[in-house]
């Protein structure tokens, strides 16, 4: 269960929350299985527009922004 959440976070972090016109594609043939399943779950939960990536929904955009902010807060200061 924990790894599934980490995989979903990893997929969401691939999106650039400052660019709503940029999407991603999880290639089933090259992506590790956990990321394929994570993208499907994010789609099922309404955070992304396609089961293999696509674009962030409004809810997904909010989640992505929060994740990116958390990563910045956990990074050492420059």
PDB file of N, CA and C in Angstrom:
ATOM      1  N   UNK A   1       0.831  -1.200   0.000  1.00  0.00           N
ATOM      2  CA  UNK A   1       0.000   0.000   0.000  1.00  0.00           C
ATOM      3  C   UNK A   1       0.866   1.251   0.000  1.00  0.00           C
ATOM      4  N   UNK A   2       1.874   1.284   0.828  1.00  0.00           N
ATOM      5  CA  UNK A   2       2.760   2.445   0.912  1.00  0.00           C
ATOM      6  C   UNK A   2       3.436   2.724  -0.433  1.00  0.00           C
ATOM      7  N   UNK A   3       3.942   1.665  -1.101  1.00  0.00           N
ATOM      8  CA  UNK A   3       4.618   1.847  -2.379  1.00  0.00           C
ATOM      9  C   UNK A   3       3.661   2.399  -3.428  1.00  0.00           C
ATOM     10  N   UNK A   4       2.396   2.013  -3.375  1.00  0.00           N
ATOM     11  CA  UNK A   4       1.409   2.527  -4.320  1.00  0.00           C
ATOM     12  C   UNK A   4       1.267   4.042  -4.183  1.00  0.00           C
ATOM     13  N   UNK A   5       1.262   4.538  -2.964  1.00  0.00           N
ATOM     14  CA  UNK A   5       1.160   5.985  -2.737  1.00  0.00           C
ATOM     15  C   UNK A   5       2.420   6.696  -3.230  1.00  0.00           C
ATOM     16  N   UNK A   6       3.579   6.094  -2.974  1.00  0.00           N
ATOM     17  CA  UNK A   6       4.844   6.674  -3.453  1.00  0.00           C
ATOM     18  C   UNK A   6       4.851   6.736  -4.973  1.00  0.00           C
ATOM     19  N   UNK A   7       4.372   5.679  -5.622  1.00  0.00           N
ATOM     20  CA  UNK A   7       4.301   5.667  -7.088  1.00  0.00           C
ATOM     21  C   UNK A   7       3.361   6.755  -7.605  1.00  0.00           C
ATOM     22  N   UNK A   8       2.241   6.956  -6.925  1.00  0.00           N
ATOM     23  CA  UNK A   8       1.315   8.011  -7.342  1.00  0.00           C
ATOM     24  C   UNK A   8       1.957   9.385  -7.179  1.00  0.00           C
ATOM     25  N   UNK A   9       2.683   9.579  -6.091  1.00  0.00           N
ATOM     26  CA  UNK A   9       3.394  10.841  -5.874  1.00  0.00           C
ATOM     27  C   UNK A   9       4.422  11.039  -6.980  1.00  0.00           C
ATOM     28  N   UNK A  10       5.142   9.976  -7.321  1.00  0.00           N
ATOM     29  CA  UNK A  10       6.151  10.063  -8.381  1.00  0.00           C
ATOM     30  C   UNK A  10       5.529  10.489  -9.712  1.00  0.00           C
ATOM     31  N   UNK A  11       4.367   9.949 -10.025  1.00  0.00           N
ATOM     32  CA  UNK A  11       3.682  10.336 -11.263  1.00  0.00           C
ATOM     33  C   UNK A  11       3.268  11.809 -11.189  1.00  0.00           C
ATOM     34  N   UNK A  12       2.668  12.221 -10.093  1.00  0.00           N
ATOM     35  CA  UNK A  12       2.231  13.617  -9.973  1.00  0.00           C
ATOM     36  C   UNK A  12       3.406  14.593 -10.045  1.00  0.00           C
ATOM     37  N   UNK A  13       4.563  14.197  -9.532  1.00  0.00           N
ATOM     38  CA  UNK A  13       5.731  15.082  -9.569  1.00  0.00           C
ATOM     39  C   UNK A  13       6.299  15.234 -10.976  1.00  0.00           C
ATOM     40  N   UNK A  14       5.892  14.378 -11.901  1.00  0.00           N
ATOM     41  CA  UNK A  14       6.342  14.514 -13.284  1.00  0.00           C
ATOM     42  C   UNK A  14       5.657  15.688 -13.987  1.00  0.00           C
ATOM     43  N   UNK A  15       4.548  16.142 -13.446  1.00  0.00           N
ATOM     44  CA  UNK A  15       3.827  17.277 -14.020  1.00  0.00           C
ATOM     45  C   UNK A  15       4.451  18.581 -13.531  1.00  0.00           C
ATOM     46  N   UNK A  16       4.435  19.582 -14.380  1.00  0.00           N
ATOM     47  CA  UNK A  16       4.886  20.924 -14.021  1.00  0.00           C
ATOM     48  C   UNK A  16       3.641  21.741 -13.677  1.00  0.00           C
ATOM     49  N   UNK A  17       3.410  22.020 -12.387  1.00  0.00           N
ATOM     50  CA  UNK A  17       2.181  22.723 -12.020  1.00  0.00           C
ATOM     51  C   UNK A  17       2.118  24.161 -12.544  1.00  0.00           C
ATOM     52  N   UNK A  18       3.240  24.705 -12.984  1.00  0.00           N
ATOM     53  CA  UNK A  18       3.226  26.072 -13.519  1.00  0.00           C
ATOM     54  C   UNK A  18       2.868  26.101 -15.006  1.00  0.00           C
ATOM     55  N   UNK A  19       2.731  24.932 -15.636  1.00  0.00           N
ATOM     56  CA  UNK A  19       2.414  24.861 -17.058  1.00  0.00           C
ATOM     57  C   UNK A  19       1.256  23.891 -17.257  1.00  0.00           C
ATOM     58  N   UNK A  20       0.052  24.419 -17.327  1.00  0.00           N
ATOM     59  CA  UNK A  20      -1.136  23.575 -17.456  1.00  0.00           C
ATOM     60  C   UNK A  20      -1.281  22.965 -18.842  1.00  0.00           C
ATOM     61  N   UNK A  21      -0.494  23.429 -19.812  1.00  0.00           N
ATOM     62  CA  UNK A  21      -0.568  22.902 -21.169  1.00  0.00           C
ATOM     63  C   UNK A  21       0.383  21.731 -21.393  1.00  0.00           C
ATOM     64  N   UNK A  22       1.165  21.385 -20.380  1.00  0.00           N
ATOM     65  CA  UNK A  22       2.127  20.299 -20.501  1.00  0.00           C
ATOM     66  C   UNK A  22       1.576  19.048 -19.841  1.00  0.00           C
ATOM     67  N   UNK A  23       1.479  17.982 -20.601  1.00  0.00           N
ATOM     68  CA  UNK A  23       1.013  16.719 -20.064  1.00  0.00           C
ATOM     69  C   UNK A  23       2.152  15.711 -20.027  1.00  0.00           C
ATOM     70  N   UNK A  24       1.817  14.499 -19.608  1.00  0.00           N
ATOM     71  CA  UNK A  24       2.807  13.423 -19.599  1.00  0.00           C
ATOM     72  C   UNK A  24       2.175  12.176 -20.207  1.00  0.00           C
ATOM     73  N   UNK A  25       3.018  11.234 -20.566  1.00  0.00           N
ATOM     74  CA  UNK A  25       2.566   9.948 -21.085  1.00  0.00           C
ATOM     75  C   UNK A  25       3.367   8.866 -20.376  1.00  0.00           C
ATOM     76  N   UNK A  26       2.667   7.940 -19.746  1.00  0.00           N
ATOM     77  CA  UNK A  26       3.303   6.783 -19.123  1.00  0.00           C
ATOM     78  C   UNK A  26       3.241   5.662 -20.165  1.00  0.00           C
ATOM     79  N   UNK A  27       4.376   5.292 -20.710  1.00  0.00           N
ATOM     80  CA  UNK A  27       4.424   4.260 -21.742  1.00  0.00           C
ATOM     81  C   UNK A  27       4.415   2.880 -21.086  1.00  0.00           C
ATOM     82  N   UNK A  28       3.386   2.121 -21.369  1.00  0.00           N
ATOM     83  CA  UNK A  28       3.225   0.804 -20.748  1.00  0.00           C
ATOM     84  C   UNK A  28       4.393  -0.122 -21.068  1.00  0.00           C
ATOM     85  N   UNK A  29       5.001   0.054 -22.219  1.00  0.00           N
ATOM     86  CA  UNK A  29       6.078  -0.857 -22.620  1.00  0.00           C
ATOM     87  C   UNK A  29       7.406  -0.532 -21.936  1.00  0.00           C
ATOM     88  N   UNK A  30       7.583   0.706 -21.466  1.00  0.00           N
ATOM     89  CA  UNK A  30       8.878   1.087 -20.891  1.00  0.00           C
ATOM     90  C   UNK A  30       8.814   1.506 -19.425  1.00  0.00           C
ATOM     91  N   UNK A  31       7.661   1.927 -18.959  1.00  0.00           N
ATOM     92  CA  UNK A  31       7.538   2.366 -17.553  1.00  0.00           C
ATOM     93  C   UNK A  31       7.451   1.147 -16.638  1.00  0.00           C
ATOM     94  N   UNK A  32       7.979   1.298 -15.448  1.00  0.00           N
ATOM     95  CA  UNK A  32       7.859   0.180 -14.511  1.00  0.00           C
ATOM     96  C   UNK A  32       6.393   0.030 -14.100  1.00  0.00           C
ATOM     97  N   UNK A  33       6.051  -1.177 -13.769  1.00  0.00           N
ATOM     98  CA  UNK A  33       4.651  -1.545 -13.516  1.00  0.00           C
ATOM     99  C   UNK A  33       3.981  -0.651 -12.475  1.00  0.00           C
ATOM    100  N   UNK A  34       4.681  -0.302 -11.420  1.00  0.00           N
ATOM    101  CA  UNK A  34       4.093   0.524 -10.378  1.00  0.00           C
ATOM    102  C   UNK A  34       3.622   1.879 -10.880  1.00  0.00           C
ATOM    103  N   UNK A  35       4.344   2.456 -11.827  1.00  0.00           N
ATOM    104  CA  UNK A  35       3.947   3.763 -12.358  1.00  0.00           C
ATOM    105  C   UNK A  35       2.733   3.652 -13.270  1.00  0.00           C
ATOM    106  N   UNK A  36       2.640   2.553 -14.000  1.00  0.00           N
ATOM    107  CA  UNK A  36       1.464   2.327 -14.846  1.00  0.00           C
ATOM    108  C   UNK A  36       0.224   2.216 -13.966  1.00  0.00           C
ATOM    109  N   UNK A  37       0.329   1.435 -12.903  1.00  0.00           N
ATOM    110  CA  UNK A  37      -0.797   1.276 -11.978  1.00  0.00           C
ATOM    111  C   UNK A  37      -1.112   2.581 -11.249  1.00  0.00           C
ATOM    112  N   UNK A  38      -0.075   3.348 -10.913  1.00  0.00           N
ATOM    113  CA  UNK A  38      -0.275   4.623 -10.227  1.00  0.00           C
ATOM    114  C   UNK A  38      -1.040   5.598 -11.111  1.00  0.00           C
ATOM    115  N   UNK A  39      -0.672   5.654 -12.379  1.00  0.00           N
ATOM    116  CA  UNK A  39      -1.376   6.546 -13.309  1.00  0.00           C
ATOM    117  C   UNK A  39      -2.841   6.132 -13.431  1.00  0.00           C
ATOM    118  N   UNK A  40      -3.082   4.840 -13.515  1.00  0.00           N
ATOM    119  CA  UNK A  40      -4.465   4.356 -13.594  1.00  0.00           C
ATOM    120  C   UNK A  40      -5.248   4.773 -12.352  1.00  0.00           C
ATOM    121  N   UNK A  41      -4.648   4.647 -11.182  1.00  0.00           N
ATOM    122  CA  UNK A  41      -5.331   5.025  -9.940  1.00  0.00           C
ATOM    123  C   UNK A  41      -5.579   6.528  -9.870  1.00  0.00           C
ATOM    124  N   UNK A  42      -4.601   7.323 -10.303  1.00  0.00           N
ATOM    125  CA  UNK A  42      -4.790   8.778 -10.329  1.00  0.00           C
ATOM    126  C   UNK A  42      -5.929   9.156 -11.274  1.00  0.00           C
ATOM    127  N   UNK A  43      -6.017   8.458 -12.404  1.00  0.00           N
ATOM    128  CA  UNK A  43      -7.121   8.686 -13.344  1.00  0.00           C
ATOM    129  C   UNK A  43      -8.449   8.297 -12.691  1.00  0.00           C
ATOM    130  N   UNK A  44      -8.478   7.131 -12.046  1.00  0.00           N
ATOM    131  CA  UNK A  44      -9.709   6.673 -11.374  1.00  0.00           C
ATOM    132  C   UNK A  44     -10.161   7.657 -10.295  1.00  0.00           C
ATOM    133  N   UNK A  45      -9.194   8.315  -9.648  1.00  0.00           N
ATOM    134  CA  UNK A  45      -9.507   9.269  -8.584  1.00  0.00           C
ATOM    135  C   UNK A  45      -9.749  10.685  -9.098  1.00  0.00           C
ATOM    136  N   UNK A  46      -9.674  10.872 -10.421  1.00  0.00           N
ATOM    137  CA  UNK A  46      -9.992  12.169 -11.008  1.00  0.00           C
ATOM    138  C   UNK A  46      -8.884  13.204 -10.933  1.00  0.00           C
ATOM    139  N   UNK A  47      -7.619  12.770 -10.789  1.00  0.00           N
ATOM    140  CA  UNK A  47      -6.511  13.721 -10.709  1.00  0.00           C
ATOM    141  C   UNK A  47      -5.842  13.969 -12.057  1.00  0.00           C
ATOM    142  N   UNK A  48      -5.939  13.001 -12.979  1.00  0.00           N
ATOM    143  CA  UNK A  48      -5.387  13.176 -14.324  1.00  0.00           C
ATOM    144  C   UNK A  48      -6.456  12.791 -15.342  1.00  0.00           C
ATOM    145  N   UNK A  49      -6.272  13.256 -16.583  1.00  0.00           N
ATOM    146  CA  UNK A  49      -7.320  13.117 -17.593  1.00  0.00           C
ATOM    147  C   UNK A  49      -7.293  11.811 -18.361  1.00  0.00           C
ATOM    148  N   UNK A  50      -6.191  11.086 -18.329  1.00  0.00           N
ATOM    149  CA  UNK A  50      -6.077   9.818 -19.066  1.00  0.00           C
ATOM    150  C   UNK A  50      -5.483   8.752 -18.156  1.00  0.00           C
ATOM    151  N   UNK A  51      -5.803   7.512 -18.416  1.00  0.00           N
ATOM    152  CA  UNK A  51      -5.291   6.411 -17.599  1.00  0.00           C
ATOM    153  C   UNK A  51      -3.784   6.234 -17.735  1.00  0.00           C
ATOM    154  N   UNK A  52      -3.207   6.800 -18.794  1.00  0.00           N
ATOM    155  CA  UNK A  52      -1.756   6.700 -18.997  1.00  0.00           C
ATOM    156  C   UNK A  52      -1.071   8.065 -18.923  1.00  0.00           C
ATOM    157  N   UNK A  53      -1.699   9.002 -18.235  1.00  0.00           N
ATOM    158  CA  UNK A  53      -1.098  10.330 -18.066  1.00  0.00           C
ATOM    159  C   UNK A  53      -2.058  11.423 -18.480  1.00  0.00           C
ATOM    160  N   UNK A  54      -1.771  12.023 -19.611  1.00  0.00           N
ATOM    161  CA  UNK A  54      -2.610  13.124 -20.065  1.00  0.00           C
ATOM    162  C   UNK A  54      -2.246  14.410 -19.343  1.00  0.00           C
ATOM    163  N   UNK A  55      -3.272  15.092 -18.864  1.00  0.00           N
ATOM    164  CA  UNK A  55      -3.092  16.376 -18.185  1.00  0.00           C
ATOM    165  C   UNK A  55      -3.668  16.296 -16.782  1.00  0.00           C
ATOM    166  N   UNK A  56      -3.286  17.240 -15.964  1.00  0.00           N
ATOM    167  CA  UNK A  56      -3.853  17.333 -14.624  1.00  0.00           C
ATOM    168  C   UNK A  56      -5.268  17.889 -14.694  1.00  0.00           C
ATOM    169  N   UNK A  57      -6.153  17.341 -13.889  1.00  0.00           N
ATOM    170  CA  UNK A  57      -7.461  17.956 -13.692  1.00  0.00           C
ATOM    171  C   UNK A  57      -7.267  19.095 -12.690  1.00  0.00           C
ATOM    172  N   UNK A  58      -8.313  19.828 -12.384  1.00  0.00           N
ATOM    173  CA  UNK A  58      -8.196  20.887 -11.372  1.00  0.00           C
ATOM    174  C   UNK A  58      -7.741  20.302 -10.037  1.00  0.00           C
ATOM    175  N   UNK A  59      -8.322  19.179  -9.648  1.00  0.00           N
ATOM    176  CA  UNK A  59      -7.938  18.525  -8.398  1.00  0.00           C
ATOM    177  C   UNK A  59      -6.488  18.041  -8.465  1.00  0.00           C
ATOM    178  N   UNK A  60      -6.099  17.480  -9.598  1.00  0.00           N
ATOM    179  CA  UNK A  60      -4.724  17.020  -9.780  1.00  0.00           C
ATOM    180  C   UNK A  60      -3.734  18.163  -9.759  1.00  0.00           C
ATOM    181  N   UNK A  61      -4.120  19.288 -10.331  1.00  0.00           N
ATOM    182  CA  UNK A  61      -3.256  20.460 -10.327  1.00  0.00           C
ATOM    183  C   UNK A  61      -3.005  20.935  -8.898  1.00  0.00           C
ATOM    184  N   UNK A  62      -4.052  20.954  -8.110  1.00  0.00           N
ATOM    185  CA  UNK A  62      -3.913  21.360  -6.706  1.00  0.00           C
ATOM    186  C   UNK A  62      -2.992  20.384  -5.952  1.00  0.00           C
ATOM    187  N   UNK A  63      -3.185  19.093  -6.175  1.00  0.00           N
ATOM    188  CA  UNK A  63      -2.346  18.085  -5.516  1.00  0.00           C
ATOM    189  C   UNK A  63      -0.889  18.230  -5.952  1.00  0.00           C
ATOM    190  N   UNK A  64      -0.670  18.438  -7.241  1.00  0.00           N
ATOM    191  CA  UNK A  64       0.691  18.598  -7.761  1.00  0.00           C
ATOM    192  C   UNK A  64       1.375  19.825  -7.170  1.00  0.00           C
ATOM    193  N   UNK A  65       0.651  20.915  -7.077  1.00  0.00           N
ATOM    194  CA  UNK A  65       1.217  22.132  -6.475  1.00  0.00           C
ATOM    195  C   UNK A  65       1.643  21.865  -5.028  1.00  0.00           C
ATOM    196  N   UNK A  66       0.782  21.192  -4.270  1.00  0.00           N
ATOM    197  CA  UNK A  66       1.100  20.890  -2.867  1.00  0.00           C
ATOM    198  C   UNK A  66       2.331  19.990  -2.767  1.00  0.00           C
ATOM    199  N   UNK A  67       2.406  18.989  -3.622  1.00  0.00           N
ATOM    200  CA  UNK A  67       3.562  18.087  -3.598  1.00  0.00           C
ATOM    201  C   UNK A  67       4.849  18.822  -3.925  1.00  0.00           C
ATOM    202  N   UNK A  68       4.821  19.660  -4.968  1.00  0.00           N
ATOM    203  CA  UNK A  68       6.016  20.414  -5.334  1.00  0.00           C
ATOM    204  C   UNK A  68       6.434  21.365  -4.212  1.00  0.00           C
ATOM    205  N   UNK A  69       5.463  21.975  -3.553  1.00  0.00           N
ATOM    206  CA  UNK A  69       5.772  22.858  -2.427  1.00  0.00           C
ATOM    207  C   UNK A  69       6.405  22.060  -1.286  1.00  0.00           C
ATOM    208  N   UNK A  70       5.860  20.896  -0.986  1.00  0.00           N
ATOM    209  CA  UNK A  70       6.414  20.060   0.084  1.00  0.00           C
ATOM    210  C   UNK A  70       7.853  19.657  -0.234  1.00  0.00           C
ATOM    211  N   UNK A  71       8.126  19.298  -1.473  1.00  0.00           N
ATOM    212  CA  UNK A  71       9.485  18.922  -1.884  1.00  0.00           C
ATOM    213  C   UNK A  71      10.429  20.111  -1.705  1.00  0.00           C
ATOM    214  N   UNK A  72       9.990  21.295  -2.082  1.00  0.00           N
ATOM    215  CA  UNK A  72      10.823  22.498  -1.912  1.00  0.00           C
ATOM    216  C   UNK A  72      11.104  22.758  -0.443  1.00  0.00           C
ATOM    217  N   UNK A  73      10.092  22.593   0.403  1.00  0.00           N
ATOM    218  CA  UNK A  73      10.268  22.831   1.843  1.00  0.00           C
ATOM    219  C   UNK A  73      11.233  21.822   2.473  1.00  0.00           C
ATOM    220  N   UNK A  74      11.281  20.609   1.938  1.00  0.00           N
ATOM    221  CA  UNK A  74      12.156  19.582   2.481  1.00  0.00           C
ATOM    222  C   UNK A  74      13.576  19.659   1.928  1.00  0.00           C
ATOM    223  N   UNK A  75      13.777  20.454   0.880  1.00  0.00           N
ATOM    224  CA  UNK A  75      15.105  20.588   0.279  1.00  0.00           C
ATOM    225  C   UNK A  75      15.951  21.541   1.093  1.00  0.00           C
ATOM    226  N   UNK A  76      17.257  21.287   1.147  1.00  0.00           N
ATOM    227  CA  UNK A  76      18.128  22.213   1.890  1.00  0.00           C
ATOM    228  C   UNK A  76      18.134  23.592   1.236  1.00  0.00           C
ATOM    229  N   UNK A  77      18.269  24.648   2.029  1.00  0.00           N
ATOM    230  CA  UNK A  77      18.303  25.994   1.461  1.00  0.00           C
ATOM    231  C   UNK A  77      19.551  26.170   0.587  1.00  0.00           C
ATOM    232  N   UNK A  78      19.407  27.008  -0.404  1.00  0.00           N
ATOM    233  CA  UNK A  78      20.560  27.274  -1.323  1.00  0.00           C
ATOM    234  C   UNK A  78      21.576  28.142  -0.675  1.00  0.00           C
TER     235      UNK A  78
END
